[in-house]
Amino acid sequence: MTLLTCADSRVQVNILGFEATNKIFVVRNIGNQIMPVFGSVDFGVMHLKTPLLLIMGHTHCGRHKIGVQ
């Protein structure tokens, strides 16, 4: 699995319920923006052949608060 999540999400991969955490390619950035990390996501999906792309967000994201102001 390729996991795209916010750098501020504070989500630990091991609490997601996946047994083999070494098989999860984690990409973190501010506000789950895809374009700045497209190369990393592409690497996980296309080159590591991860069968699933999971994008996780969270409430009260600071990046989105700034964007709305």
PDB file of N, CA and C in Angstrom:
ATOM      1  N   MET A   1       0.837  -1.172   0.000  1.00  0.00           N
ATOM      2  CA  MET A   1       0.000   0.000   0.000  1.00  0.00           C
ATOM      3  C   MET A   1       0.885   1.239   0.000  1.00  0.00           C
ATOM      4  N   THR A   2       0.471   2.245  -0.757  1.00  0.00           N
ATOM      5  CA  THR A   2       1.068   3.569  -0.679  1.00  0.00           C
ATOM      6  C   THR A   2       0.112   4.435   0.125  1.00  0.00           C
ATOM      7  N   LEU A   3       0.632   5.075   1.153  1.00  0.00           N
ATOM      8  CA  LEU A   3      -0.174   5.900   2.043  1.00  0.00           C
ATOM      9  C   LEU A   3       0.274   7.349   1.924  1.00  0.00           C
ATOM     10  N   LEU A   4      -0.632   8.228   1.472  1.00  0.00           N
ATOM     11  CA  LEU A   4      -0.372   9.665   1.424  1.00  0.00           C
ATOM     12  C   LEU A   4      -1.124  10.295   2.579  1.00  0.00           C
ATOM     13  N   THR A   5      -0.401  10.949   3.441  1.00  0.00           N
ATOM     14  CA  THR A   5      -1.019  11.556   4.608  1.00  0.00           C
ATOM     15  C   THR A   5      -0.344  12.871   4.933  1.00  0.00           C
ATOM     16  N   CYS A   6      -1.022  13.685   5.685  1.00  0.00           N
ATOM     17  CA  CYS A   6      -0.511  14.991   6.066  1.00  0.00           C
ATOM     18  C   CYS A   6       0.664  14.837   7.037  1.00  0.00           C
ATOM     19  N   ALA A   7       1.627  15.713   6.905  1.00  0.00           N
ATOM     20  CA  ALA A   7       2.773  15.684   7.807  1.00  0.00           C
ATOM     21  C   ALA A   7       2.359  15.941   9.250  1.00  0.00           C
ATOM     22  N   ASP A   8       1.229  16.604   9.442  1.00  0.00           N
ATOM     23  CA  ASP A   8       0.757  16.941  10.782  1.00  0.00           C
ATOM     24  C   ASP A   8      -0.346  15.996  11.269  1.00  0.00           C
ATOM     25  N   SER A   9      -0.557  14.889  10.575  1.00  0.00           N
ATOM     26  CA  SER A   9      -1.690  14.039  10.923  1.00  0.00           C
ATOM     27  C   SER A   9      -1.477  13.268  12.215  1.00  0.00           C
ATOM     28  N   ARG A  10      -0.243  13.064  12.587  1.00  0.00           N
ATOM     29  CA  ARG A  10       0.094  12.337  13.808  1.00  0.00           C
ATOM     30  C   ARG A  10      -0.457  10.913  13.814  1.00  0.00           C
ATOM     31  N   VAL A  11      -0.735  10.377  12.646  1.00  0.00           N
ATOM     32  CA  VAL A  11      -1.221   9.006  12.538  1.00  0.00           C
ATOM     33  C   VAL A  11      -0.020   8.074  12.428  1.00  0.00           C
ATOM     34  N   GLN A  12       0.063   7.145  13.342  1.00  0.00           N
ATOM     35  CA  GLN A  12       1.113   6.144  13.301  1.00  0.00           C
ATOM     36  C   GLN A  12       0.618   4.971  12.467  1.00  0.00           C
ATOM     37  N   VAL A  13       1.417   4.541  11.515  1.00  0.00           N
ATOM     38  CA  VAL A  13       1.006   3.489  10.588  1.00  0.00           C
ATOM     39  C   VAL A  13       0.660   2.202  11.334  1.00  0.00           C
ATOM     40  N   ASN A  14       1.354   1.905  12.403  1.00  0.00           N
ATOM     41  CA  ASN A  14       1.122   0.646  13.102  1.00  0.00           C
ATOM     42  C   ASN A  14      -0.232   0.578  13.798  1.00  0.00           C
ATOM     43  N   ILE A  15      -0.915   1.699  14.003  1.00  0.00           N
ATOM     44  CA  ILE A  15      -2.227   1.645  14.646  1.00  0.00           C
ATOM     45  C   ILE A  15      -3.370   1.525  13.637  1.00  0.00           C
ATOM     46  N   LEU A  16      -3.035   1.478  12.349  1.00  0.00           N
ATOM     47  CA  LEU A  16      -4.060   1.364  11.321  1.00  0.00           C
ATOM     48  C   LEU A  16      -4.602  -0.054  11.185  1.00  0.00           C
ATOM     49  N   GLY A  17      -3.977  -1.010  11.839  1.00  0.00           N
ATOM     50  CA  GLY A  17      -4.461  -2.380  11.795  1.00  0.00           C
ATOM     51  C   GLY A  17      -3.799  -3.251  10.749  1.00  0.00           C
ATOM     52  N   PHE A  18      -2.758  -2.763  10.103  1.00  0.00           N
ATOM     53  CA  PHE A  18      -2.060  -3.564   9.112  1.00  0.00           C
ATOM     54  C   PHE A  18      -0.945  -4.333   9.810  1.00  0.00           C
ATOM     55  N   GLU A  19      -0.882  -5.626   9.573  1.00  0.00           N
ATOM     56  CA  GLU A  19       0.107  -6.459  10.250  1.00  0.00           C
ATOM     57  C   GLU A  19       1.516  -6.228   9.722  1.00  0.00           C
ATOM     58  N   ALA A  20       1.647  -6.092   8.423  1.00  0.00           N
ATOM     59  CA  ALA A  20       2.977  -5.959   7.826  1.00  0.00           C
ATOM     60  C   ALA A  20       3.264  -4.487   7.522  1.00  0.00           C
ATOM     61  N   THR A  21       3.630  -3.729   8.549  1.00  0.00           N
ATOM     62  CA  THR A  21       3.866  -2.298   8.336  1.00  0.00           C
ATOM     63  C   THR A  21       5.070  -2.050   7.442  1.00  0.00           C
ATOM     64  N   ASN A  22       5.942  -3.027   7.284  1.00  0.00           N
ATOM     65  CA  ASN A  22       7.088  -2.842   6.389  1.00  0.00           C
ATOM     66  C   ASN A  22       6.671  -2.902   4.919  1.00  0.00           C
ATOM     67  N   LYS A  23       5.400  -3.201   4.637  1.00  0.00           N
ATOM     68  CA  LYS A  23       4.909  -3.238   3.264  1.00  0.00           C
ATOM     69  C   LYS A  23       4.088  -2.003   2.921  1.00  0.00           C
ATOM     70  N   ILE A  24       4.202  -0.973   3.751  1.00  0.00           N
ATOM     71  CA  ILE A  24       3.477   0.266   3.510  1.00  0.00           C
ATOM     72  C   ILE A  24       4.492   1.355   3.167  1.00  0.00           C
ATOM     73  N   PHE A  25       4.313   1.976   1.995  1.00  0.00           N
ATOM     74  CA  PHE A  25       5.167   3.075   1.562  1.00  0.00           C
ATOM     75  C   PHE A  25       4.459   4.363   1.955  1.00  0.00           C
ATOM     76  N   VAL A  26       5.028   5.088   2.916  1.00  0.00           N
ATOM     77  CA  VAL A  26       4.377   6.267   3.480  1.00  0.00           C
ATOM     78  C   VAL A  26       4.957   7.539   2.869  1.00  0.00           C
ATOM     79  N   VAL A  27       4.069   8.412   2.382  1.00  0.00           N
ATOM     80  CA  VAL A  27       4.446   9.721   1.859  1.00  0.00           C
ATOM     81  C   VAL A  27       3.698  10.755   2.682  1.00  0.00           C
ATOM     82  N   ARG A  28       4.424  11.662   3.323  1.00  0.00           N
ATOM     83  CA  ARG A  28       3.801  12.711   4.136  1.00  0.00           C
ATOM     84  C   ARG A  28       4.177  14.072   3.585  1.00  0.00           C
ATOM     85  N   ASN A  29       3.195  14.960   3.567  1.00  0.00           N
ATOM     86  CA  ASN A  29       3.469  16.341   3.213  1.00  0.00           C
ATOM     87  C   ASN A  29       2.400  17.231   3.833  1.00  0.00           C
ATOM     88  N   ILE A  30       2.528  18.513   3.631  1.00  0.00           N
ATOM     89  CA  ILE A  30       1.596  19.457   4.244  1.00  0.00           C
ATOM     90  C   ILE A  30       0.281  19.457   3.479  1.00  0.00           C
ATOM     91  N   GLY A  31      -0.792  19.100   4.146  1.00  0.00           N
ATOM     92  CA  GLY A  31      -2.130  19.197   3.575  1.00  0.00           C
ATOM     93  C   GLY A  31      -2.482  18.192   2.500  1.00  0.00           C
ATOM     94  N   ASN A  32      -1.775  17.089   2.417  1.00  0.00           N
ATOM     95  CA  ASN A  32      -2.066  16.042   1.425  1.00  0.00           C
ATOM     96  C   ASN A  32      -2.058  16.552  -0.008  1.00  0.00           C
ATOM     97  N   GLN A  33      -1.206  17.492  -0.316  1.00  0.00           N
ATOM     98  CA  GLN A  33      -1.122  18.011  -1.672  1.00  0.00           C
ATOM     99  C   GLN A  33      -0.450  16.968  -2.560  1.00  0.00           C
ATOM    100  N   ILE A  34      -1.083  16.616  -3.652  1.00  0.00           N
ATOM    101  CA  ILE A  34      -0.565  15.544  -4.494  1.00  0.00           C
ATOM    102  C   ILE A  34       0.566  16.007  -5.412  1.00  0.00           C
ATOM    103  N   MET A  35       0.490  17.210  -5.964  1.00  0.00           N
ATOM    104  CA  MET A  35       1.482  17.617  -6.962  1.00  0.00           C
ATOM    105  C   MET A  35       2.909  17.715  -6.418  1.00  0.00           C
ATOM    106  N   PRO A  36       3.136  18.267  -5.225  1.00  0.00           N
ATOM    107  CA  PRO A  36       4.520  18.331  -4.748  1.00  0.00           C
ATOM    108  C   PRO A  36       5.156  16.958  -4.514  1.00  0.00           C
ATOM    109  N   VAL A  37       4.350  15.940  -4.303  1.00  0.00           N
ATOM    110  CA  VAL A  37       4.895  14.614  -4.006  1.00  0.00           C
ATOM    111  C   VAL A  37       4.480  13.587  -5.055  1.00  0.00           C
ATOM    112  N   PHE A  38       4.059  14.056  -6.229  1.00  0.00           N
ATOM    113  CA  PHE A  38       3.591  13.125  -7.255  1.00  0.00           C
ATOM    114  C   PHE A  38       4.647  12.087  -7.594  1.00  0.00           C
ATOM    115  N   GLY A  39       5.885  12.487  -7.653  1.00  0.00           N
ATOM    116  CA  GLY A  39       6.966  11.540  -7.962  1.00  0.00           C
ATOM    117  C   GLY A  39       7.069  10.437  -6.928  1.00  0.00           C
ATOM    118  N   SER A  40       6.892  10.780  -5.663  1.00  0.00           N
ATOM    119  CA  SER A  40       6.954   9.780  -4.601  1.00  0.00           C
ATOM    120  C   SER A  40       5.761   8.832  -4.657  1.00  0.00           C
ATOM    121  N   VAL A  41       4.577   9.382  -4.900  1.00  0.00           N
ATOM    122  CA  VAL A  41       3.376   8.549  -5.014  1.00  0.00           C
ATOM    123  C   VAL A  41       3.499   7.642  -6.235  1.00  0.00           C
ATOM    124  N   ASP A  42       3.965   8.182  -7.352  1.00  0.00           N
ATOM    125  CA  ASP A  42       4.170   7.398  -8.565  1.00  0.00           C
ATOM    126  C   ASP A  42       5.156   6.260  -8.323  1.00  0.00           C
ATOM    127  N   PHE A  43       6.215   6.534  -7.578  1.00  0.00           N
ATOM    128  CA  PHE A  43       7.197   5.507  -7.258  1.00  0.00           C
ATOM    129  C   PHE A  43       6.554   4.367  -6.470  1.00  0.00           C
ATOM    130  N   GLY A  44       5.744   4.714  -5.476  1.00  0.00           N
ATOM    131  CA  GLY A  44       5.084   3.689  -4.673  1.00  0.00           C
ATOM    132  C   GLY A  44       4.117   2.848  -5.484  1.00  0.00           C
ATOM    133  N   VAL A  45       3.311   3.498  -6.306  1.00  0.00           N
ATOM    134  CA  VAL A  45       2.272   2.793  -7.058  1.00  0.00           C
ATOM    135  C   VAL A  45       2.855   2.037  -8.252  1.00  0.00           C
ATOM    136  N   MET A  46       3.675   2.705  -9.038  1.00  0.00           N
ATOM    137  CA  MET A  46       4.146   2.110 -10.290  1.00  0.00           C
ATOM    138  C   MET A  46       5.388   1.231 -10.139  1.00  0.00           C
ATOM    139  N   HIS A  47       6.332   1.648  -9.314  1.00  0.00           N
ATOM    140  CA  HIS A  47       7.597   0.918  -9.233  1.00  0.00           C
ATOM    141  C   HIS A  47       7.623  -0.104  -8.107  1.00  0.00           C
ATOM    142  N   LEU A  48       7.017   0.231  -6.972  1.00  0.00           N
ATOM    143  CA  LEU A  48       6.931  -0.748  -5.883  1.00  0.00           C
ATOM    144  C   LEU A  48       5.721  -1.665  -6.051  1.00  0.00           C
ATOM    145  N   LYS A  49       4.858  -1.311  -7.009  1.00  0.00           N
ATOM    146  CA  LYS A  49       3.675  -2.117  -7.335  1.00  0.00           C
ATOM    147  C   LYS A  49       2.739  -2.300  -6.142  1.00  0.00           C
ATOM    148  N   THR A  50       2.548  -1.237  -5.364  1.00  0.00           N
ATOM    149  CA  THR A  50       1.615  -1.328  -4.246  1.00  0.00           C
ATOM    150  C   THR A  50       0.197  -1.419  -4.804  1.00  0.00           C
ATOM    151  N   PRO A  51      -0.617  -2.325  -4.285  1.00  0.00           N
ATOM    152  CA  PRO A  51      -1.935  -2.558  -4.856  1.00  0.00           C
ATOM    153  C   PRO A  51      -3.000  -1.534  -4.449  1.00  0.00           C
ATOM    154  N   LEU A  52      -2.664  -0.655  -3.519  1.00  0.00           N
ATOM    155  CA  LEU A  52      -3.654   0.261  -2.980  1.00  0.00           C
ATOM    156  C   LEU A  52      -3.007   1.606  -2.696  1.00  0.00           C
ATOM    157  N   LEU A  53      -3.711   2.695  -3.054  1.00  0.00           N
ATOM    158  CA  LEU A  53      -3.293   4.051  -2.698  1.00  0.00           C
ATOM    159  C   LEU A  53      -4.318   4.583  -1.717  1.00  0.00           C
ATOM    160  N   LEU A  54      -3.887   4.863  -0.498  1.00  0.00           N
ATOM    161  CA  LEU A  54      -4.769   5.368   0.543  1.00  0.00           C
ATOM    162  C   LEU A  54      -4.358   6.795   0.871  1.00  0.00           C
ATOM    163  N   ILE A  55      -5.315   7.726   0.794  1.00  0.00           N
ATOM    164  CA  ILE A  55      -5.059   9.129   1.116  1.00  0.00           C
ATOM    165  C   ILE A  55      -5.822   9.445   2.386  1.00  0.00           C
ATOM    166  N   MET A  56      -5.095   9.810   3.431  1.00  0.00           N
ATOM    167  CA  MET A  56      -5.709  10.070   4.726  1.00  0.00           C
ATOM    168  C   MET A  56      -5.561  11.530   5.112  1.00  0.00           C
ATOM    169  N   GLY A  57      -6.643  12.115   5.554  1.00  0.00           N
ATOM    170  CA  GLY A  57      -6.626  13.482   6.044  1.00  0.00           C
ATOM    171  C   GLY A  57      -7.032  13.509   7.508  1.00  0.00           C
ATOM    172  N   HIS A  58      -7.177  14.695   8.033  1.00  0.00           N
ATOM    173  CA  HIS A  58      -7.604  14.841   9.420  1.00  0.00           C
ATOM    174  C   HIS A  58      -8.334  16.167   9.573  1.00  0.00           C
ATOM    175  N   THR A  59      -9.041  16.307  10.647  1.00  0.00           N
ATOM    176  CA  THR A  59      -9.772  17.545  10.896  1.00  0.00           C
ATOM    177  C   THR A  59      -8.825  18.639  11.363  1.00  0.00           C
ATOM    178  N   HIS A  60      -9.224  19.872  11.178  1.00  0.00           N
ATOM    179  CA  HIS A  60      -8.481  21.049  11.642  1.00  0.00           C
ATOM    180  C   HIS A  60      -7.076  21.113  11.054  1.00  0.00           C
ATOM    181  N   CYS A  61      -6.954  20.809   9.775  1.00  0.00           N
ATOM    182  CA  CYS A  61      -5.644  20.847   9.112  1.00  0.00           C
ATOM    183  C   CYS A  61      -5.173  22.299   9.004  1.00  0.00           C
ATOM    184  N   GLY A  62      -3.993  22.571   9.503  1.00  0.00           N
ATOM    185  CA  GLY A  62      -3.444  23.922   9.475  1.00  0.00           C
ATOM    186  C   GLY A  62      -3.218  24.444   8.074  1.00  0.00           C
ATOM    187  N   ARG A  63      -2.832  23.580   7.150  1.00  0.00           N
ATOM    188  CA  ARG A  63      -2.603  23.985   5.765  1.00  0.00           C
ATOM    189  C   ARG A  63      -3.899  24.489   5.123  1.00  0.00           C
ATOM    190  N   HIS A  64      -4.984  23.816   5.391  1.00  0.00           N
ATOM    191  CA  HIS A  64      -6.246  24.221   4.786  1.00  0.00           C
ATOM    192  C   HIS A  64      -6.832  25.462   5.478  1.00  0.00           C
ATOM    193  N   LYS A  65      -6.542  25.619   6.748  1.00  0.00           N
ATOM    194  CA  LYS A  65      -6.979  26.841   7.436  1.00  0.00           C
ATOM    195  C   LYS A  65      -6.299  28.062   6.818  1.00  0.00           C
ATOM    196  N   ILE A  66      -5.026  27.940   6.525  1.00  0.00           N
ATOM    197  CA  ILE A  66      -4.277  29.048   5.917  1.00  0.00           C
ATOM    198  C   ILE A  66      -4.814  29.337   4.516  1.00  0.00           C
ATOM    199  N   GLY A  67      -5.134  28.296   3.757  1.00  0.00           N
ATOM    200  CA  GLY A  67      -5.643  28.465   2.408  1.00  0.00           C
ATOM    201  C   GLY A  67      -6.982  29.157   2.342  1.00  0.00           C
ATOM    202  N   VAL A  68      -7.789  28.999   3.375  1.00  0.00           N
ATOM    203  CA  VAL A  68      -9.126  29.589   3.397  1.00  0.00           C
ATOM    204  C   VAL A  68      -9.081  31.063   3.806  1.00  0.00           C
ATOM    205  N   GLN A  69      -8.069  31.454   4.553  1.00  0.00           N
ATOM    206  CA  GLN A  69      -7.988  32.831   5.057  1.00  0.00           C
ATOM    207  C   GLN A  69      -7.740  33.833   3.957  1.00  0.00           C
TER     208      GLN A  69
END
